[in-house]
């Protein structure tokens, strides 16, 4: 499969609602959006009662604490996605290194035998 072709959607994922399918296909974006919402909502509420910097600080602390519990599944999905991408990248790198090694070995064998391989 080429690098630009999208991965096929598993059959069990096509039965999910659109929002759940989107979140499962884009776990980093889903987690980032969740963190943004967890920050923006308390900030908007606190901004009416406190000055800008106090609201910013309290909203940041509240969102950091709340995300530990509320975004656990998104965080796990994101880390799984990153790990699978890293595994695929390592497999491709190993495949390319093996192809380069076999090409190099054939060139060295041809040089040792005095033949010309092109």
PDB file of N, CA and C in Angstrom:
ATOM      1  N   UNK A   1       0.836  -1.169   0.000  1.00  0.00           N
ATOM      2  CA  UNK A   1       0.000   0.000   0.000  1.00  0.00           C
ATOM      3  C   UNK A   1       0.884   1.238   0.000  1.00  0.00           C
ATOM      4  N   UNK A   2       0.489   2.260  -0.723  1.00  0.00           N
ATOM      5  CA  UNK A   2       1.308   3.466  -0.803  1.00  0.00           C
ATOM      6  C   UNK A   2       1.174   4.289   0.465  1.00  0.00           C
ATOM      7  N   UNK A   3       2.103   5.234   0.641  1.00  0.00           N
ATOM      8  CA  UNK A   3       2.105   6.063   1.833  1.00  0.00           C
ATOM      9  C   UNK A   3       0.938   7.040   1.864  1.00  0.00           C
ATOM     10  N   UNK A   4       0.374   7.390   0.696  1.00  0.00           N
ATOM     11  CA  UNK A   4      -0.694   8.377   0.651  1.00  0.00           C
ATOM     12  C   UNK A   4      -2.076   7.754   0.741  1.00  0.00           C
ATOM     13  N   UNK A   5      -2.200   6.449   0.572  1.00  0.00           N
ATOM     14  CA  UNK A   5      -3.506   5.808   0.623  1.00  0.00           C
ATOM     15  C   UNK A   5      -3.980   5.720   2.069  1.00  0.00           C
ATOM     16  N   UNK A   6      -5.266   6.038   2.310  1.00  0.00           N
ATOM     17  CA  UNK A   6      -5.763   5.949   3.680  1.00  0.00           C
ATOM     18  C   UNK A   6      -5.916   4.495   4.099  1.00  0.00           C
ATOM     19  N   UNK A   7      -5.782   4.265   5.402  1.00  0.00           N
ATOM     20  CA  UNK A   7      -5.973   2.928   5.917  1.00  0.00           C
ATOM     21  C   UNK A   7      -7.450   2.565   5.811  1.00  0.00           C
ATOM     22  N   UNK A   8      -7.763   1.316   5.472  1.00  0.00           N
ATOM     23  CA  UNK A   8      -9.167   0.937   5.387  1.00  0.00           C
ATOM     24  C   UNK A   8      -9.824   0.990   6.764  1.00  0.00           C
ATOM     25  N   UNK A   9     -11.110   1.339   6.770  1.00  0.00           N
ATOM     26  CA  UNK A   9     -11.868   1.420   8.010  1.00  0.00           C
ATOM     27  C   UNK A   9     -12.319   0.017   8.375  1.00  0.00           C
ATOM     28  N   UNK A  10     -12.023  -0.448   9.594  1.00  0.00           N
ATOM     29  CA  UNK A  10     -12.493  -1.763   9.993  1.00  0.00           C
ATOM     30  C   UNK A  10     -14.012  -1.842   9.955  1.00  0.00           C
ATOM     31  N   UNK A  11     -14.553  -3.037   9.723  1.00  0.00           N
ATOM     32  CA  UNK A  11     -15.989  -3.224   9.572  1.00  0.00           C
ATOM     33  C   UNK A  11     -16.748  -2.830  10.824  1.00  0.00           C
ATOM     34  N   UNK A  12     -16.198  -3.122  12.010  1.00  0.00           N
ATOM     35  CA  UNK A  12     -16.901  -2.797  13.244  1.00  0.00           C
ATOM     36  C   UNK A  12     -16.972  -1.293  13.481  1.00  0.00           C
ATOM     37  N   UNK A  13     -16.072  -0.514  12.910  1.00  0.00           N
ATOM     38  CA  UNK A  13     -16.051   0.927  13.103  1.00  0.00           C
ATOM     39  C   UNK A  13     -17.094   1.629  12.246  1.00  0.00           C
ATOM     40  N   UNK A  14     -17.487   1.026  11.110  1.00  0.00           N
ATOM     41  CA  UNK A  14     -18.443   1.672  10.222  1.00  0.00           C
ATOM     42  C   UNK A  14     -19.835   1.707  10.830  1.00  0.00           C
ATOM     43  N   UNK A  15     -20.131   0.844  11.801  1.00  0.00           N
ATOM     44  CA  UNK A  15     -21.438   0.814  12.431  1.00  0.00           C
ATOM     45  C   UNK A  15     -21.574   1.864  13.527  1.00  0.00           C
ATOM     46  N   UNK A  16     -20.483   2.499  13.930  1.00  0.00           N
ATOM     47  CA  UNK A  16     -20.516   3.497  14.986  1.00  0.00           C
ATOM     48  C   UNK A  16     -21.111   4.803  14.485  1.00  0.00           C
ATOM     49  N   UNK A  17     -21.651   5.616  15.380  1.00  0.00           N
ATOM     50  CA  UNK A  17     -22.122   6.938  14.967  1.00  0.00           C
ATOM     51  C   UNK A  17     -20.966   7.778  14.438  1.00  0.00           C
ATOM     52  N   UNK A  18     -21.281   8.785  13.659  1.00  0.00           N
ATOM     53  CA  UNK A  18     -20.250   9.591  12.997  1.00  0.00           C
ATOM     54  C   UNK A  18     -19.300  10.236  13.994  1.00  0.00           C
ATOM     55  N   UNK A  19     -19.825  10.763  15.110  1.00  0.00           N
ATOM     56  CA  UNK A  19     -18.947  11.431  16.067  1.00  0.00           C
ATOM     57  C   UNK A  19     -17.991  10.444  16.721  1.00  0.00           C
ATOM     58  N   UNK A  20     -18.465   9.251  17.032  1.00  0.00           N
ATOM     59  CA  UNK A  20     -17.600   8.246  17.644  1.00  0.00           C
ATOM     60  C   UNK A  20     -16.575   7.734  16.636  1.00  0.00           C
ATOM     61  N   UNK A  21     -16.979   7.558  15.398  1.00  0.00           N
ATOM     62  CA  UNK A  21     -16.046   7.108  14.362  1.00  0.00           C
ATOM     63  C   UNK A  21     -14.976   8.171  14.131  1.00  0.00           C
ATOM     64  N   UNK A  22     -15.369   9.450  14.146  1.00  0.00           N
ATOM     65  CA  UNK A  22     -14.392  10.512  13.949  1.00  0.00           C
ATOM     66  C   UNK A  22     -13.389  10.513  15.094  1.00  0.00           C
ATOM     67  N   UNK A  23     -13.875  10.391  16.317  1.00  0.00           N
ATOM     68  CA  UNK A  23     -12.992  10.416  17.477  1.00  0.00           C
ATOM     69  C   UNK A  23     -12.054   9.220  17.481  1.00  0.00           C
ATOM     70  N   UNK A  24     -12.531   8.070  17.014  1.00  0.00           N
ATOM     71  CA  UNK A  24     -11.656   6.900  16.996  1.00  0.00           C
ATOM     72  C   UNK A  24     -10.643   6.978  15.859  1.00  0.00           C
ATOM     73  N   UNK A  25     -10.956   7.701  14.794  1.00  0.00           N
ATOM     74  CA  UNK A  25      -9.996   7.857  13.694  1.00  0.00           C
ATOM     75  C   UNK A  25      -9.000   8.971  13.957  1.00  0.00           C
ATOM     76  N   UNK A  26      -9.356   9.937  14.799  1.00  0.00           N
ATOM     77  CA  UNK A  26      -8.501  11.090  15.084  1.00  0.00           C
ATOM     78  C   UNK A  26      -8.348  11.264  16.590  1.00  0.00           C
ATOM     79  N   UNK A  27      -7.694  10.332  17.268  1.00  0.00           N
ATOM     80  CA  UNK A  27      -7.631  10.418  18.732  1.00  0.00           C
ATOM     81  C   UNK A  27      -6.839  11.614  19.248  1.00  0.00           C
ATOM     82  N   UNK A  28      -5.825  12.051  18.538  1.00  0.00           N
ATOM     83  CA  UNK A  28      -5.041  13.210  18.994  1.00  0.00           C
ATOM     84  C   UNK A  28      -5.898  14.473  18.919  1.00  0.00           C
ATOM     85  N   UNK A  29      -6.647  14.613  17.835  1.00  0.00           N
ATOM     86  CA  UNK A  29      -7.522  15.775  17.697  1.00  0.00           C
ATOM     87  C   UNK A  29      -8.652  15.736  18.720  1.00  0.00           C
ATOM     88  N   UNK A  30      -9.199  14.549  18.985  1.00  0.00           N
ATOM     89  CA  UNK A  30     -10.273  14.434  19.973  1.00  0.00           C
ATOM     90  C   UNK A  30      -9.772  14.801  21.363  1.00  0.00           C
ATOM     91  N   UNK A  31      -8.589  14.341  21.726  1.00  0.00           N
ATOM     92  CA  UNK A  31      -8.028  14.672  23.034  1.00  0.00           C
ATOM     93  C   UNK A  31      -7.727  16.169  23.122  1.00  0.00           C
ATOM     94  N   UNK A  32      -7.144  16.733  22.082  1.00  0.00           N
ATOM     95  CA  UNK A  32      -6.823  18.167  22.087  1.00  0.00           C
ATOM     96  C   UNK A  32      -8.083  19.008  22.183  1.00  0.00           C
ATOM     97  N   UNK A  33      -9.119  18.622  21.461  1.00  0.00           N
ATOM     98  CA  UNK A  33     -10.386  19.348  21.522  1.00  0.00           C
ATOM     99  C   UNK A  33     -10.996  19.240  22.912  1.00  0.00           C
ATOM    100  N   UNK A  34     -10.908  18.067  23.506  1.00  0.00           N
ATOM    101  CA  UNK A  34     -11.409  17.897  24.869  1.00  0.00           C
ATOM    102  C   UNK A  34     -10.671  18.773  25.859  1.00  0.00           C
ATOM    103  N   UNK A  35      -9.350  18.838  25.729  1.00  0.00           N
ATOM    104  CA  UNK A  35      -8.563  19.699  26.621  1.00  0.00           C
ATOM    105  C   UNK A  35      -8.931  21.163  26.422  1.00  0.00           C
ATOM    106  N   UNK A  36      -9.130  21.566  25.182  1.00  0.00           N
ATOM    107  CA  UNK A  36      -9.500  22.951  24.901  1.00  0.00           C
ATOM    108  C   UNK A  36     -10.850  23.298  25.522  1.00  0.00           C
ATOM    109  N   UNK A  37     -11.818  22.404  25.385  1.00  0.00           N
ATOM    110  CA  UNK A  37     -13.145  22.653  25.962  1.00  0.00           C
ATOM    111  C   UNK A  37     -13.064  22.688  27.480  1.00  0.00           C
ATOM    112  N   UNK A  38     -12.300  21.756  28.061  1.00  0.00           N
ATOM    113  CA  UNK A  38     -12.160  21.738  29.520  1.00  0.00           C
ATOM    114  C   UNK A  38     -11.471  22.993  30.057  1.00  0.00           C
ATOM    115  N   UNK A  39     -10.716  23.662  29.222  1.00  0.00           N
ATOM    116  CA  UNK A  39     -10.098  24.925  29.634  1.00  0.00           C
ATOM    117  C   UNK A  39     -11.019  26.116  29.355  1.00  0.00           C
ATOM    118  N   UNK A  40     -11.626  26.140  28.167  1.00  0.00           N
ATOM    119  CA  UNK A  40     -12.381  27.313  27.737  1.00  0.00           C
ATOM    120  C   UNK A  40     -13.643  27.541  28.564  1.00  0.00           C
ATOM    121  N   UNK A  41     -14.344  26.471  28.917  1.00  0.00           N
ATOM    122  CA  UNK A  41     -15.594  26.639  29.660  1.00  0.00           C
ATOM    123  C   UNK A  41     -15.335  27.235  31.051  1.00  0.00           C
ATOM    124  N   UNK A  42     -14.450  26.678  31.852  1.00  0.00           N
ATOM    125  CA  UNK A  42     -14.195  27.323  33.156  1.00  0.00           C
ATOM    126  C   UNK A  42     -13.616  28.739  33.012  1.00  0.00           C
ATOM    127  N   UNK A  43     -12.777  28.947  32.011  1.00  0.00           N
ATOM    128  CA  UNK A  43     -12.205  30.284  31.823  1.00  0.00           C
ATOM    129  C   UNK A  43     -13.299  31.305  31.520  1.00  0.00           C
ATOM    130  N   UNK A  44     -14.232  30.926  30.636  1.00  0.00           N
ATOM    131  CA  UNK A  44     -15.308  31.848  30.275  1.00  0.00           C
ATOM    132  C   UNK A  44     -16.179  32.170  31.487  1.00  0.00           C
ATOM    133  N   UNK A  45     -16.430  31.182  32.325  1.00  0.00           N
ATOM    134  CA  UNK A  45     -17.247  31.418  33.520  1.00  0.00           C
ATOM    135  C   UNK A  45     -16.478  32.252  34.544  1.00  0.00           C
ATOM    136  N   UNK A  46     -15.235  31.891  34.790  1.00  0.00           N
ATOM    137  CA  UNK A  46     -14.445  32.590  35.804  1.00  0.00           C
ATOM    138  C   UNK A  46     -14.079  34.014  35.388  1.00  0.00           C
ATOM    139  N   UNK A  47     -14.042  34.280  34.087  1.00  0.00           N
ATOM    140  CA  UNK A  47     -13.675  35.610  33.605  1.00  0.00           C
ATOM    141  C   UNK A  47     -14.681  36.672  34.063  1.00  0.00           C
ATOM    142  N   UNK A  48     -15.935  36.234  34.269  1.00  0.00           N
ATOM    143  CA  UNK A  48     -16.947  37.192  34.727  1.00  0.00           C
ATOM    144  C   UNK A  48     -16.766  37.556  36.203  1.00  0.00           C
ATOM    145  N   UNK A  49     -16.117  36.710  36.975  1.00  0.00           N
ATOM    146  CA  UNK A  49     -15.996  36.929  38.410  1.00  0.00           C
ATOM    147  C   UNK A  49     -14.617  37.409  38.848  1.00  0.00           C
ATOM    148  N   UNK A  50     -13.591  37.109  38.058  1.00  0.00           N
ATOM    149  CA  UNK A  50     -12.219  37.463  38.443  1.00  0.00           C
ATOM    150  C   UNK A  50     -11.554  38.230  37.309  1.00  0.00           C
ATOM    151  N   UNK A  51     -10.377  38.753  37.582  1.00  0.00           N
ATOM    152  CA  UNK A  51      -9.639  39.408  36.514  1.00  0.00           C
ATOM    153  C   UNK A  51      -9.067  38.344  35.555  1.00  0.00           C
ATOM    154  N   UNK A  52      -8.488  38.800  34.473  1.00  0.00           N
ATOM    155  CA  UNK A  52      -8.046  37.913  33.400  1.00  0.00           C
ATOM    156  C   UNK A  52      -7.043  36.862  33.886  1.00  0.00           C
ATOM    157  N   UNK A  53      -6.011  37.303  34.574  1.00  0.00           N
ATOM    158  CA  UNK A  53      -4.939  36.375  34.965  1.00  0.00           C
ATOM    159  C   UNK A  53      -5.387  35.382  36.026  1.00  0.00           C
ATOM    160  N   UNK A  54      -6.222  35.806  36.958  1.00  0.00           N
ATOM    161  CA  UNK A  54      -6.741  34.878  37.960  1.00  0.00           C
ATOM    162  C   UNK A  54      -7.634  33.833  37.298  1.00  0.00           C
ATOM    163  N   UNK A  55      -8.475  34.269  36.375  1.00  0.00           N
ATOM    164  CA  UNK A  55      -9.340  33.335  35.656  1.00  0.00           C
ATOM    165  C   UNK A  55      -8.514  32.369  34.819  1.00  0.00           C
ATOM    166  N   UNK A  56      -7.467  32.880  34.206  1.00  0.00           N
ATOM    167  CA  UNK A  56      -6.582  32.047  33.400  1.00  0.00           C
ATOM    168  C   UNK A  56      -5.912  30.974  34.245  1.00  0.00           C
ATOM    169  N   UNK A  57      -5.387  31.368  35.374  1.00  0.00           N
ATOM    170  CA  UNK A  57      -4.679  30.443  36.259  1.00  0.00           C
ATOM    171  C   UNK A  57      -5.622  29.380  36.827  1.00  0.00           C
ATOM    172  N   UNK A  58      -6.757  29.801  37.336  1.00  0.00           N
ATOM    173  CA  UNK A  58      -7.703  28.853  37.932  1.00  0.00           C
ATOM    174  C   UNK A  58      -8.271  27.924  36.865  1.00  0.00           C
ATOM    175  N   UNK A  59      -8.586  28.438  35.694  1.00  0.00           N
ATOM    176  CA  UNK A  59      -9.107  27.600  34.611  1.00  0.00           C
ATOM    177  C   UNK A  59      -8.063  26.588  34.165  1.00  0.00           C
ATOM    178  N   UNK A  60      -6.814  27.006  34.123  1.00  0.00           N
ATOM    179  CA  UNK A  60      -5.741  26.083  33.759  1.00  0.00           C
ATOM    180  C   UNK A  60      -5.628  24.949  34.782  1.00  0.00           C
ATOM    181  N   UNK A  61      -5.645  25.290  36.043  1.00  0.00           N
ATOM    182  CA  UNK A  61      -5.534  24.273  37.091  1.00  0.00           C
ATOM    183  C   UNK A  61      -6.745  23.342  37.098  1.00  0.00           C
ATOM    184  N   UNK A  62      -7.934  23.906  36.954  1.00  0.00           N
ATOM    185  CA  UNK A  62      -9.143  23.077  36.916  1.00  0.00           C
ATOM    186  C   UNK A  62      -9.148  22.135  35.716  1.00  0.00           C
ATOM    187  N   UNK A  63      -8.755  22.645  34.555  1.00  0.00           N
ATOM    188  CA  UNK A  63      -8.770  21.807  33.354  1.00  0.00           C
ATOM    189  C   UNK A  63      -7.714  20.714  33.426  1.00  0.00           C
ATOM    190  N   UNK A  64      -6.565  21.021  34.018  1.00  0.00           N
ATOM    191  CA  UNK A  64      -5.525  20.003  34.159  1.00  0.00           C
ATOM    192  C   UNK A  64      -5.992  18.879  35.077  1.00  0.00           C
ATOM    193  N   UNK A  65      -6.607  19.242  36.196  1.00  0.00           N
ATOM    194  CA  UNK A  65      -7.094  18.242  37.141  1.00  0.00           C
ATOM    195  C   UNK A  65      -8.262  17.449  36.546  1.00  0.00           C
ATOM    196  N   UNK A  66      -9.200  18.120  35.908  1.00  0.00           N
ATOM    197  CA  UNK A  66     -10.372  17.438  35.342  1.00  0.00           C
ATOM    198  C   UNK A  66      -9.984  16.511  34.197  1.00  0.00           C
ATOM    199  N   UNK A  67      -8.984  16.885  33.409  1.00  0.00           N
ATOM    200  CA  UNK A  67      -8.609  16.054  32.264  1.00  0.00           C
ATOM    201  C   UNK A  67      -8.020  14.717  32.695  1.00  0.00           C
ATOM    202  N   UNK A  68      -7.442  14.670  33.886  1.00  0.00           N
ATOM    203  CA  UNK A  68      -6.896  13.401  34.380  1.00  0.00           C
ATOM    204  C   UNK A  68      -7.994  12.353  34.454  1.00  0.00           C
ATOM    205  N   UNK A  69      -9.178  12.760  34.875  1.00  0.00           N
ATOM    206  CA  UNK A  69     -10.275  11.821  35.059  1.00  0.00           C
ATOM    207  C   UNK A  69     -11.216  11.765  33.861  1.00  0.00           C
ATOM    208  N   UNK A  70     -11.546  12.913  33.296  1.00  0.00           N
ATOM    209  CA  UNK A  70     -12.566  12.963  32.252  1.00  0.00           C
ATOM    210  C   UNK A  70     -12.060  12.540  30.870  1.00  0.00           C
ATOM    211  N   UNK A  71     -10.783  12.682  30.622  1.00  0.00           N
ATOM    212  CA  UNK A  71     -10.256  12.375  29.294  1.00  0.00           C
ATOM    213  C   UNK A  71      -9.369  11.134  29.284  1.00  0.00           C
ATOM    214  N   UNK A  72      -9.568  10.240  30.233  1.00  0.00           N
ATOM    215  CA  UNK A  72      -8.731   9.039  30.325  1.00  0.00           C
ATOM    216  C   UNK A  72      -8.834   8.180  29.057  1.00  0.00           C
ATOM    217  N   UNK A  73     -10.053   7.928  28.584  1.00  0.00           N
ATOM    218  CA  UNK A  73     -10.204   7.061  27.411  1.00  0.00           C
ATOM    219  C   UNK A  73      -9.598   7.712  26.161  1.00  0.00           C
ATOM    220  N   UNK A  74      -9.771   9.031  25.997  1.00  0.00           N
ATOM    221  CA  UNK A  74      -9.171   9.709  24.851  1.00  0.00           C
ATOM    222  C   UNK A  74      -7.657   9.682  24.931  1.00  0.00           C
ATOM    223  N   UNK A  75      -7.115   9.835  26.134  1.00  0.00           N
ATOM    224  CA  UNK A  75      -5.662   9.806  26.305  1.00  0.00           C
ATOM    225  C   UNK A  75      -5.103   8.422  25.977  1.00  0.00           C
ATOM    226  N   UNK A  76      -5.801   7.368  26.399  1.00  0.00           N
ATOM    227  CA  UNK A  76      -5.358   6.009  26.093  1.00  0.00           C
ATOM    228  C   UNK A  76      -5.452   5.723  24.597  1.00  0.00           C
ATOM    229  N   UNK A  77      -6.519   6.199  23.952  1.00  0.00           N
ATOM    230  CA  UNK A  77      -6.651   6.016  22.505  1.00  0.00           C
ATOM    231  C   UNK A  77      -5.548   6.771  21.770  1.00  0.00           C
ATOM    232  N   UNK A  78      -5.228   7.979  22.248  1.00  0.00           N
ATOM    233  CA  UNK A  78      -4.175   8.767  21.625  1.00  0.00           C
ATOM    234  C   UNK A  78      -2.819   8.084  21.771  1.00  0.00           C
ATOM    235  N   UNK A  79      -2.526   7.571  22.950  1.00  0.00           N
ATOM    236  CA  UNK A  79      -1.228   6.918  23.140  1.00  0.00           C
ATOM    237  C   UNK A  79      -1.149   5.635  22.320  1.00  0.00           C
ATOM    238  N   UNK A  80      -2.255   4.913  22.183  1.00  0.00           N
ATOM    239  CA  UNK A  80      -2.273   3.724  21.331  1.00  0.00           C
ATOM    240  C   UNK A  80      -2.042   4.078  19.870  1.00  0.00           C
ATOM    241  N   UNK A  81      -2.628   5.171  19.433  1.00  0.00           N
ATOM    242  CA  UNK A  81      -2.443   5.620  18.060  1.00  0.00           C
ATOM    243  C   UNK A  81      -0.994   6.017  17.803  1.00  0.00           C
ATOM    244  N   UNK A  82      -0.406   6.732  18.730  1.00  0.00           N
ATOM    245  CA  UNK A  82       0.981   7.149  18.571  1.00  0.00           C
ATOM    246  C   UNK A  82       1.906   5.938  18.581  1.00  0.00           C
ATOM    247  N   UNK A  83       1.630   4.979  19.449  1.00  0.00           N
ATOM    248  CA  UNK A  83       2.456   3.773  19.520  1.00  0.00           C
ATOM    249  C   UNK A  83       2.357   2.959  18.234  1.00  0.00           C
ATOM    250  N   UNK A  84       1.149   2.841  17.674  1.00  0.00           N
ATOM    251  CA  UNK A  84       1.010   2.076  16.433  1.00  0.00           C
ATOM    252  C   UNK A  84       1.701   2.783  15.265  1.00  0.00           C
ATOM    253  N   UNK A  85       1.641   4.102  15.231  1.00  0.00           N
ATOM    254  CA  UNK A  85       2.358   4.838  14.186  1.00  0.00           C
ATOM    255  C   UNK A  85       3.862   4.652  14.313  1.00  0.00           C
ATOM    256  N   UNK A  86       4.347   4.651  15.534  1.00  0.00           N
ATOM    257  CA  UNK A  86       5.785   4.446  15.763  1.00  0.00           C
ATOM    258  C   UNK A  86       6.194   3.038  15.340  1.00  0.00           C
ATOM    259  N   UNK A  87       5.360   2.050  15.638  1.00  0.00           N
ATOM    260  CA  UNK A  87       5.664   0.682  15.225  1.00  0.00           C
ATOM    261  C   UNK A  87       5.694   0.557  13.703  1.00  0.00           C
ATOM    262  N   UNK A  88       4.714   1.186  13.025  1.00  0.00           N
ATOM    263  CA  UNK A  88       4.700   1.140  11.557  1.00  0.00           C
ATOM    264  C   UNK A  88       5.926   1.831  10.975  1.00  0.00           C
ATOM    265  N   UNK A  89       6.326   2.960  11.570  1.00  0.00           N
ATOM    266  CA  UNK A  89       7.506   3.680  11.089  1.00  0.00           C
ATOM    267  C   UNK A  89       8.757   2.841  11.296  1.00  0.00           C
ATOM    268  N   UNK A  90       8.864   2.184  12.444  1.00  0.00           N
ATOM    269  CA  UNK A  90      10.025   1.326  12.700  1.00  0.00           C
ATOM    270  C   UNK A  90      10.057   0.144  11.745  1.00  0.00           C
ATOM    271  N   UNK A  91       8.892  -0.429  11.443  1.00  0.00           N
ATOM    272  CA  UNK A  91       8.838  -1.557  10.505  1.00  0.00           C
ATOM    273  C   UNK A  91       9.260  -1.108   9.104  1.00  0.00           C
ATOM    274  N   UNK A  92       8.792   0.055   8.665  1.00  0.00           N
ATOM    275  CA  UNK A  92       9.191   0.572   7.354  1.00  0.00           C
ATOM    276  C   UNK A  92      10.684   0.857   7.314  1.00  0.00           C
ATOM    277  N   UNK A  93      11.213   1.420   8.402  1.00  0.00           N
ATOM    278  CA  UNK A  93      12.634   1.719   8.451  1.00  0.00           C
ATOM    279  C   UNK A  93      13.456   0.434   8.395  1.00  0.00           C
ATOM    280  N   UNK A  94      13.021  -0.597   9.101  1.00  0.00           N
ATOM    281  CA  UNK A  94      13.727  -1.878   9.079  1.00  0.00           C
ATOM    282  C   UNK A  94      13.643  -2.515   7.695  1.00  0.00           C
ATOM    283  N   UNK A  95      12.483  -2.391   7.043  1.00  0.00           N
ATOM    284  CA  UNK A  95      12.319  -2.932   5.685  1.00  0.00           C
ATOM    285  C   UNK A  95      13.252  -2.223   4.706  1.00  0.00           C
ATOM    286  N   UNK A  96      13.317  -0.915   4.811  1.00  0.00           N
ATOM    287  CA  UNK A  96      14.203  -0.157   3.916  1.00  0.00           C
ATOM    288  C   UNK A  96      15.674  -0.465   4.192  1.00  0.00           C
ATOM    289  N   UNK A  97      16.020  -0.637   5.465  1.00  0.00           N
ATOM    290  CA  UNK A  97      17.401  -0.978   5.810  1.00  0.00           C
ATOM    291  C   UNK A  97      17.760  -2.358   5.274  1.00  0.00           C
ATOM    292  N   UNK A  98      16.817  -3.307   5.350  1.00  0.00           N
ATOM    293  CA  UNK A  98      17.067  -4.651   4.828  1.00  0.00           C
ATOM    294  C   UNK A  98      17.241  -4.612   3.309  1.00  0.00           C
ATOM    295  N   UNK A  99      16.421  -3.813   2.618  1.00  0.00           N
ATOM    296  CA  UNK A  99      16.550  -3.694   1.167  1.00  0.00           C
ATOM    297  C   UNK A  99      17.892  -3.058   0.802  1.00  0.00           C
ATOM    298  N   UNK A 100      18.296  -2.050   1.552  1.00  0.00           N
ATOM    299  CA  UNK A 100      19.580  -1.412   1.294  1.00  0.00           C
ATOM    300  C   UNK A 100      20.735  -2.378   1.560  1.00  0.00           C
ATOM    301  N   UNK A 101      20.615  -3.149   2.624  1.00  0.00           N
ATOM    302  CA  UNK A 101      21.661  -4.124   2.942  1.00  0.00           C
ATOM    303  C   UNK A 101      21.780  -5.197   1.865  1.00  0.00           C
ATOM    304  N   UNK A 102      20.626  -5.675   1.366  1.00  0.00           N
ATOM    305  CA  UNK A 102      20.685  -6.713   0.322  1.00  0.00           C
ATOM    306  C   UNK A 102      21.269  -6.143  -0.972  1.00  0.00           C
ATOM    307  N   UNK A 103      20.929  -4.894  -1.292  1.00  0.00           N
ATOM    308  CA  UNK A 103      21.500  -4.268  -2.476  1.00  0.00           C
ATOM    309  C   UNK A 103      23.012  -4.122  -2.310  1.00  0.00           C
ATOM    310  N   UNK A 104      23.439  -3.667  -1.124  1.00  0.00           N
ATOM    311  CA  UNK A 104      24.862  -3.486  -0.847  1.00  0.00           C
ATOM    312  C   UNK A 104      25.593  -4.827  -0.915  1.00  0.00           C
ATOM    313  N   UNK A 105      24.989  -5.872  -0.364  1.00  0.00           N
ATOM    314  CA  UNK A 105      25.610  -7.206  -0.411  1.00  0.00           C
ATOM    315  C   UNK A 105      25.761  -7.692  -1.848  1.00  0.00           C
ATOM    316  N   UNK A 106      24.739  -7.442  -2.675  1.00  0.00           N
ATOM    317  CA  UNK A 106      24.840  -7.877  -4.080  1.00  0.00           C
ATOM    318  C   UNK A 106      25.923  -7.091  -4.822  1.00  0.00           C
ATOM    319  N   UNK A 107      26.063  -5.808  -4.503  1.00  0.00           N
ATOM    320  CA  UNK A 107      27.111  -5.007  -5.127  1.00  0.00           C
ATOM    321  C   UNK A 107      28.495  -5.484  -4.703  1.00  0.00           C
ATOM    322  N   UNK A 108      28.649  -5.786  -3.425  1.00  0.00           N
ATOM    323  CA  UNK A 108      29.943  -6.282  -2.942  1.00  0.00           C
ATOM    324  C   UNK A 108      30.266  -7.648  -3.530  1.00  0.00           C
ATOM    325  N   UNK A 109      29.259  -8.498  -3.679  1.00  0.00           N
ATOM    326  CA  UNK A 109      29.486  -9.824  -4.274  1.00  0.00           C
ATOM    327  C   UNK A 109      29.887  -9.683  -5.736  1.00  0.00           C
ATOM    328  N   UNK A 110      29.251  -8.744  -6.442  1.00  0.00           N
ATOM    329  CA  UNK A 110      29.585  -8.523  -7.842  1.00  0.00           C
ATOM    330  C   UNK A 110      30.994  -7.965  -7.974  1.00  0.00           C
ATOM    331  N   UNK A 111      31.375  -7.056  -7.082  1.00  0.00           N
ATOM    332  CA  UNK A 111      32.727  -6.506  -7.117  1.00  0.00           C
ATOM    333  C   UNK A 111      33.767  -7.567  -6.806  1.00  0.00           C
ATOM    334  N   UNK A 112      33.448  -8.452  -5.881  1.00  0.00           N
ATOM    335  CA  UNK A 112      34.398  -9.513  -5.490  1.00  0.00           C
ATOM    336  C   UNK A 112      34.574 -10.522  -6.610  1.00  0.00           C
ATOM    337  N   UNK A 113      33.501 -10.807  -7.371  1.00  0.00           N
ATOM    338  CA  UNK A 113      33.604 -11.794  -8.460  1.00  0.00           C
ATOM    339  C   UNK A 113      34.124 -11.166  -9.743  1.00  0.00           C
ATOM    340  N   UNK A 114      34.203  -9.852  -9.791  1.00  0.00           N
ATOM    341  CA  UNK A 114      34.715  -9.172 -10.972  1.00  0.00           C
ATOM    342  C   UNK A 114      33.640  -8.919 -12.011  1.00  0.00           C
ATOM    343  N   UNK A 115      32.410  -9.274 -11.731  1.00  0.00           N
ATOM    344  CA  UNK A 115      31.312  -9.078 -12.676  1.00  0.00           C
ATOM    345  C   UNK A 115      30.728  -7.701 -12.561  1.00  0.00           C
ATOM    346  N   UNK A 116      29.877  -7.364 -13.495  1.00  0.00           N
ATOM    347  CA  UNK A 116      29.229  -6.068 -13.512  1.00  0.00           C
ATOM    348  C   UNK A 116      27.728  -6.296 -13.403  1.00  0.00           C
ATOM    349  N   UNK A 117      27.152  -5.920 -12.283  1.00  0.00           N
ATOM    350  CA  UNK A 117      25.717  -6.093 -12.060  1.00  0.00           C
ATOM    351  C   UNK A 117      25.060  -4.727 -12.077  1.00  0.00           C
ATOM    352  N   UNK A 118      24.117  -4.511 -12.999  1.00  0.00           N
ATOM    353  CA  UNK A 118      23.370  -3.244 -13.075  1.00  0.00           C
ATOM    354  C   UNK A 118      21.913  -3.516 -13.152  1.00  0.00           C
TER     355      UNK A 118
END
